[in-house]
Amino acid sequence: MFKKFNWGWGIAIVYVAFAIAMLSLVYMATRNKVELVREDYYAEELKHQDHIEKVQRARALPTPLSWNVGDAQIELQFPTTDKTIAKVLFYKASDSSKDVTVSCEADSLGRCLLPTDKLASGVYKMQVDWEANGATYYQEGTININ
């Protein structure tokens, strides 16, 4: 009672296998969590030239921004002792819910101490956007919080 296997059955099996594979791919794609780097990604893209100029100004400084990661705090050392106001974003690429933004004002020695108690352990990209003497600067680096 079995029919003979011919090329028509082969094409039907290939089409069914392809459909099952595509449906499986769609299912897996809808289950995958997709996040933008920033919620306001498109608005920030329009300000990109300003960002490039901030990076160039920071690179042109005779003494760059430096930092030291301690057990309980991160010390930022700004290149100037003038009034410096900074916004620091700790970006955790593996989980955007653990990103932290902190504002700080440097003391008379150009230092700013940031507590690490809000940061989960792991690798962060630290993005520092600061203003001093009427000019704005931007620098980033990678830090590891234990």
C-alpha atoms as a PDB file:
ATOM      1  CA  MET A   1       0.000   0.000   0.000  1.00  0.00           C
ATOM      2  CA  PHE A   2       3.007   2.355   0.144  1.00  0.00           C
ATOM      3  CA  LYS A   3       3.428   4.681  -2.758  1.00  0.00           C
ATOM      4  CA  LYS A   4       6.687   4.794  -4.551  1.00  0.00           C
ATOM      5  CA  PHE A   5       8.997   7.656  -3.422  1.00  0.00           C
ATOM      6  CA  ASN A   6       9.468  10.083  -6.323  1.00  0.00           C
ATOM      7  CA  TRP A   7      10.812  13.607  -6.823  1.00  0.00           C
ATOM      8  CA  GLY A   8       7.422  15.153  -5.944  1.00  0.00           C
ATOM      9  CA  TRP A   9       7.612  13.717  -2.420  1.00  0.00           C
ATOM     10  CA  GLY A  10      11.199  14.965  -2.111  1.00  0.00           C
ATOM     11  CA  ILE A  11      10.172  18.526  -2.999  1.00  0.00           C
ATOM     12  CA  ALA A  12       7.279  18.381  -0.533  1.00  0.00           C
ATOM     13  CA  ILE A  13       9.586  17.175   2.258  1.00  0.00           C
ATOM     14  CA  VAL A  14      12.094  19.964   1.494  1.00  0.00           C
ATOM     15  CA  TYR A  15       9.317  22.606   1.589  1.00  0.00           C
ATOM     16  CA  VAL A  16       7.944  21.304   4.883  1.00  0.00           C
ATOM     17  CA  ALA A  17      11.436  21.162   6.417  1.00  0.00           C
ATOM     18  CA  PHE A  18      12.113  24.735   5.223  1.00  0.00           C
ATOM     19  CA  ALA A  19       8.814  25.972   6.703  1.00  0.00           C
ATOM     20  CA  ILE A  20       9.567  24.309  10.042  1.00  0.00           C
ATOM     21  CA  ALA A  21      13.062  25.829  10.061  1.00  0.00           C
ATOM     22  CA  MET A  22      11.694  29.329   9.303  1.00  0.00           C
ATOM     23  CA  LEU A  23       9.012  29.071  11.982  1.00  0.00           C
ATOM     24  CA  SER A  24      11.651  27.935  14.474  1.00  0.00           C
ATOM     25  CA  LEU A  25      13.859  30.889  13.517  1.00  0.00           C
ATOM     26  CA  VAL A  26      10.977  33.349  13.927  1.00  0.00           C
ATOM     27  CA  TYR A  27      10.142  31.862  17.331  1.00  0.00           C
ATOM     28  CA  MET A  28      13.758  32.156  18.529  1.00  0.00           C
ATOM     29  CA  ALA A  29      14.056  35.714  17.182  1.00  0.00           C
ATOM     30  CA  THR A  30      10.951  36.877  19.033  1.00  0.00           C
ATOM     31  CA  ARG A  31      12.253  35.376  22.283  1.00  0.00           C
ATOM     32  CA  ASN A  32      15.596  37.242  22.015  1.00  0.00           C
ATOM     33  CA  LYS A  33      15.864  40.490  24.038  1.00  0.00           C
ATOM     34  CA  VAL A  34      16.859  43.429  21.830  1.00  0.00           C
ATOM     35  CA  GLU A  35      18.110  46.647  23.419  1.00  0.00           C
ATOM     36  CA  LEU A  36      19.393  49.889  21.979  1.00  0.00           C
ATOM     37  CA  VAL A  37      22.593  51.254  23.450  1.00  0.00           C
ATOM     38  CA  ARG A  38      20.600  54.292  24.559  1.00  0.00           C
ATOM     39  CA  GLU A  39      16.877  54.946  24.748  1.00  0.00           C
ATOM     40  CA  ASP A  40      17.387  58.294  22.981  1.00  0.00           C
ATOM     41  CA  TYR A  41      19.724  56.836  20.364  1.00  0.00           C
ATOM     42  CA  TYR A  42      18.293  58.721  17.380  1.00  0.00           C
ATOM     43  CA  ALA A  43      18.202  62.106  19.117  1.00  0.00           C
ATOM     44  CA  GLU A  44      21.818  61.626  20.237  1.00  0.00           C
ATOM     45  CA  GLU A  45      22.854  60.771  16.679  1.00  0.00           C
ATOM     46  CA  LEU A  46      21.874  64.286  15.583  1.00  0.00           C
ATOM     47  CA  LYS A  47      24.307  65.755  18.152  1.00  0.00           C
ATOM     48  CA  HIS A  48      27.212  63.625  16.945  1.00  0.00           C
ATOM     49  CA  GLN A  49      29.318  66.526  15.573  1.00  0.00           C
ATOM     50  CA  ASP A  50      29.242  68.207  19.011  1.00  0.00           C
ATOM     51  CA  HIS A  51      30.438  64.928  20.510  1.00  0.00           C
ATOM     52  CA  ILE A  52      33.348  64.731  18.042  1.00  0.00           C
ATOM     53  CA  GLU A  53      34.412  68.268  18.964  1.00  0.00           C
ATOM     54  CA  LYS A  54      34.295  67.430  22.704  1.00  0.00           C
ATOM     55  CA  VAL A  55      36.531  64.399  22.127  1.00  0.00           C
ATOM     56  CA  GLN A  56      38.997  66.485  20.099  1.00  0.00           C
ATOM     57  CA  ARG A  57      39.170  69.145  22.833  1.00  0.00           C
ATOM     58  CA  ALA A  58      39.803  66.450  25.463  1.00  0.00           C
ATOM     59  CA  ARG A  59      42.595  64.913  23.354  1.00  0.00           C
ATOM     60  CA  ALA A  60      44.188  68.342  22.899  1.00  0.00           C
ATOM     61  CA  LEU A  61      44.546  68.891  26.666  1.00  0.00           C
ATOM     62  CA  PRO A  62      48.147  68.781  27.909  1.00  0.00           C
ATOM     63  CA  THR A  63      47.102  66.508  30.794  1.00  0.00           C
ATOM     64  CA  PRO A  64      44.281  64.059  30.096  1.00  0.00           C
ATOM     65  CA  LEU A  65      41.528  63.057  32.481  1.00  0.00           C
ATOM     66  CA  SER A  66      42.690  60.204  34.696  1.00  0.00           C
ATOM     67  CA  TRP A  67      40.933  57.885  37.115  1.00  0.00           C
ATOM     68  CA  ASN A  68      41.726  55.416  39.841  1.00  0.00           C
ATOM     69  CA  VAL A  69      39.313  52.638  40.791  1.00  0.00           C
ATOM     70  CA  GLY A  70      39.417  51.827  44.498  1.00  0.00           C
ATOM     71  CA  ASP A  71      37.435  49.404  46.632  1.00  0.00           C
ATOM     72  CA  ALA A  72      34.649  51.812  47.593  1.00  0.00           C
ATOM     73  CA  GLN A  73      35.082  54.720  45.179  1.00  0.00           C
ATOM     74  CA  ILE A  74      36.383  55.935  41.860  1.00  0.00           C
ATOM     75  CA  GLU A  75      38.593  59.001  41.894  1.00  0.00           C
ATOM     76  CA  LEU A  76      38.490  61.176  38.781  1.00  0.00           C
ATOM     77  CA  GLN A  77      41.356  63.625  38.359  1.00  0.00           C
ATOM     78  CA  PHE A  78      40.448  66.420  35.971  1.00  0.00           C
ATOM     79  CA  PRO A  79      43.196  68.247  34.091  1.00  0.00           C
ATOM     80  CA  THR A  80      42.188  71.624  35.503  1.00  0.00           C
ATOM     81  CA  THR A  81      41.577  72.913  39.022  1.00  0.00           C
ATOM     82  CA  ASP A  82      39.011  75.443  37.773  1.00  0.00           C
ATOM     83  CA  LYS A  83      35.334  74.861  38.432  1.00  0.00           C
ATOM     84  CA  THR A  84      34.544  71.562  36.732  1.00  0.00           C
ATOM     85  CA  ILE A  85      31.101  69.979  36.511  1.00  0.00           C
ATOM     86  CA  ALA A  86      30.847  66.461  35.149  1.00  0.00           C
ATOM     87  CA  LYS A  87      28.255  63.883  34.229  1.00  0.00           C
ATOM     88  CA  VAL A  88      29.515  60.311  34.343  1.00  0.00           C
ATOM     89  CA  LEU A  89      27.675  57.408  32.736  1.00  0.00           C
ATOM     90  CA  PHE A  90      28.670  53.908  33.776  1.00  0.00           C
ATOM     91  CA  TYR A  91      27.488  51.811  30.820  1.00  0.00           C
ATOM     92  CA  LYS A  92      27.223  48.048  31.361  1.00  0.00           C
ATOM     93  CA  ALA A  93      26.981  46.439  27.931  1.00  0.00           C
ATOM     94  CA  SER A  94      25.708  43.110  29.232  1.00  0.00           C
ATOM     95  CA  ASP A  95      22.668  44.575  31.041  1.00  0.00           C
ATOM     96  CA  SER A  96      21.305  48.072  30.406  1.00  0.00           C
ATOM     97  CA  SER A  97      19.251  47.968  33.616  1.00  0.00           C
ATOM     98  CA  LYS A  98      22.546  48.264  35.530  1.00  0.00           C
ATOM     99  CA  ASP A  99      23.641  51.500  33.810  1.00  0.00           C
ATOM    100  CA  VAL A 100      24.222  54.324  36.304  1.00  0.00           C
ATOM    101  CA  THR A 101      24.514  58.077  35.680  1.00  0.00           C
ATOM    102  CA  VAL A 102      26.197  60.264  38.314  1.00  0.00           C
ATOM    103  CA  SER A 103      26.818  64.009  38.397  1.00  0.00           C
ATOM    104  CA  CYS A 104      29.718  65.500  40.292  1.00  0.00           C
ATOM    105  CA  GLU A 105      31.597  68.721  40.837  1.00  0.00           C
ATOM    106  CA  ALA A 106      35.360  68.667  41.206  1.00  0.00           C
ATOM    107  CA  ASP A 107      36.995  70.015  44.363  1.00  0.00           C
ATOM    108  CA  SER A 108      39.748  72.662  44.443  1.00  0.00           C
ATOM    109  CA  LEU A 109      42.355  70.029  43.489  1.00  0.00           C
ATOM    110  CA  GLY A 110      40.385  68.960  40.408  1.00  0.00           C
ATOM    111  CA  ARG A 111      39.272  65.668  41.980  1.00  0.00           C
ATOM    112  CA  CYS A 112      35.855  64.092  42.045  1.00  0.00           C
ATOM    113  CA  LEU A 113      35.122  61.036  44.194  1.00  0.00           C
ATOM    114  CA  LEU A 114      32.358  58.712  43.016  1.00  0.00           C
ATOM    115  CA  PRO A 115      31.046  55.916  45.265  1.00  0.00           C
ATOM    116  CA  THR A 116      30.843  52.452  43.710  1.00  0.00           C
ATOM    117  CA  ASP A 117      28.063  51.119  45.946  1.00  0.00           C
ATOM    118  CA  LYS A 118      25.431  51.591  43.177  1.00  0.00           C
ATOM    119  CA  LEU A 119      27.508  49.629  40.666  1.00  0.00           C
ATOM    120  CA  ALA A 120      27.183  45.871  40.300  1.00  0.00           C
ATOM    121  CA  SER A 121      30.415  43.970  39.827  1.00  0.00           C
ATOM    122  CA  GLY A 122      31.601  43.634  36.257  1.00  0.00           C
ATOM    123  CA  VAL A 123      33.044  45.598  33.365  1.00  0.00           C
ATOM    124  CA  TYR A 124      31.716  49.093  32.643  1.00  0.00           C
ATOM    125  CA  LYS A 125      32.421  51.658  29.985  1.00  0.00           C
ATOM    126  CA  MET A 126      32.822  54.916  31.885  1.00  0.00           C
ATOM    127  CA  GLN A 127      31.761  57.916  29.783  1.00  0.00           C
ATOM    128  CA  VAL A 128      32.738  61.275  31.288  1.00  0.00           C
ATOM    129  CA  ASP A 129      31.213  64.457  29.879  1.00  0.00           C
ATOM    130  CA  TRP A 130      32.532  67.558  31.659  1.00  0.00           C
ATOM    131  CA  GLU A 131      32.618  71.328  31.429  1.00  0.00           C
ATOM    132  CA  ALA A 132      35.430  73.593  32.578  1.00  0.00           C
ATOM    133  CA  ASN A 133      36.293  77.200  31.654  1.00  0.00           C
ATOM    134  CA  GLY A 134      33.228  77.412  29.389  1.00  0.00           C
ATOM    135  CA  ALA A 135      34.377  74.511  27.198  1.00  0.00           C
ATOM    136  CA  THR A 136      32.951  71.008  27.131  1.00  0.00           C
ATOM    137  CA  TYR A 137      34.976  67.788  26.963  1.00  0.00           C
ATOM    138  CA  TYR A 138      34.326  64.066  26.625  1.00  0.00           C
ATOM    139  CA  GLN A 139      36.461  61.038  27.433  1.00  0.00           C
ATOM    140  CA  GLU A 140      35.696  57.404  28.039  1.00  0.00           C
ATOM    141  CA  GLY A 141      37.453  54.345  29.304  1.00  0.00           C
ATOM    142  CA  THR A 142      36.821  50.834  30.544  1.00  0.00           C
ATOM    143  CA  ILE A 143      36.793  50.029  34.259  1.00  0.00           C
ATOM    144  CA  ASN A 144      36.292  46.817  36.223  1.00  0.00           C
ATOM    145  CA  ILE A 145      34.290  46.826  39.452  1.00  0.00           C
ATOM    146  CA  ASN A 146      34.914  43.875  41.769  1.00  0.00           C
END
